[in-house]
Amino acid sequence: MRATFRLQPALQRALLRAQPLLRRVRPRVLLVEPPANSRNWDAVAGMANGLGAAREKEAKDRGELGKRARRFIDAAIACAPLAADALTLHVLSKDVKSKVVNFQVETENAARTNALLSGRSLARAWACVGLCSESCQFSKAAHALGWEITSLMQKCGAITATRATQAAMSLVLRYAEEFHAEERLSDDQLAAMLLVRELLGVQAQCSFAEKNAHYHNWLIELEDLDAFWTRMDADSYKETVVDILGKNLTLYQGGAFKCLILSAPDWDRFSGKTMIVGTVCYVSYPEVTMTGVARLVVSELQLAFAYLNLVHCGLCCKKPEGVGETQFLLSVAKRLNANVVSQFGVRGHSMTAWSGKLTFVPLLDECEQWGPLRDARVGVWRMLPLHDPAVYGRVYDILTSGRPVLGDHGIPKKLYSGDADWVPGPGL
């Protein structure tokens, strides 16, 4: 109940504060216009990097910043309350989030559906809330806040809407405590920023995004932002997955191995807790690379990833009454792109996934938990009911058996933290 109390008032107050700005938004004019070609989002976002604002603020505090740059930073700091409310609506509103997630997929950014602060992802997010502003009150409020931030920042010089809002959002996320002490943010806005930081980490689909969320915590040294992508690549589990799974699957294409798979595809809108789901299935090269519409009917691996994809995108995964299981799965397969191959290190590896963060435990020897866990799977999607004490205990036995745990280690850590800081997936 504590998390629910924090979440809902934050949304309502941000919505109310945006109301006076709505009349300033020109009707049917988008803050960010989608390009004709999805390859042109870079041009839409602009060349300047708003994530460098924190570095420039530190330089300004030391008196090392030029006059023009100081004006931009001062304007971004002045926009802190607006940026806080924009972040609240973008991150905490499930209505906005589900629309943006699906828009990221539709505009060929499916690997980063939950990304927000990077340039191209943020440009897509602003385009989406603009397009949805007439049908969603939260999107309409976010769109108005984006317009106000941009107009204030553009008084200092030429800057795109994406980079203007990116700078303001990055600064308020990083320096929320400082801005609150300066009375730029109210108590409820500070509480919302703390929750936004937490949820950006929960929603992160990869180590990159998770570290980025950590770097916007004011307790982390700003120097940690140096060489961000280079260090993130070095800190990731990409090479391990490619070496252990990808290369062996490619080399032994006729074989298969048993595997426990855990994922954190989403978060619960009421409690703010991480959603954790899992399954056990066989993994083989043909199943990993499968793309046909029959893949959900013939492959338990593809079936599991389809479920993760649906949950992650905020889509309904319940089979309609009166519809056969095979018919339902064929229909879903036609509407979902296959998204498995890159997650197993075959043909390269993507550090982001439509399915959220992933943990793999290959079961290459005799495993007494395998049979009972396969029998325990439930529903159309054959997922494990992790809230069942027997299933929960058997998964723990596998994780602590000394077998290699590949991928994200934060999922099993949260699952067995003892704080009940997670929820099962829908239908489980």
Foldseek 3Di string as FASTA:
>chain_A
DVLLVLQPVLLVVLLVVLVVLLVVDDPPDALFDDDPALVCLDVRLDDDQLLCLVVQVVCVVVVNDDPLNVLLSVLLLLLQALLLSLLSLCQQPPVLLLQQLVQCVVSVNNLPSPDDLDRSSVSSSRRRLSVCLVPDSSSVSSRSSLVVQVVSSCVSHDHRSSSSSSNSNLVCLQCVVVCVVVVSDDPSSSSSSVLSLVLQLLQDQFQLSNVVSVCSHNVDDVVCCPPSVVVSVVPGQQVVLQVPFAVVLVVCQPDKFKKKKKFQQHADSNNSFTAMWIAIAIDHNCLQPDWDLCSCVPGLVQLQQLVLLCVNSVHDPDDDPPDDLSRVSSVSSVVDTRWRNQCNNHPHHDRGGSRGWMKMFTDHDDQPLVVVRQVQQDDSSRIHPCVPVVNVVSVVCSVPVPTDIGTDPVNVCVSPVPPPRYHYTPPD
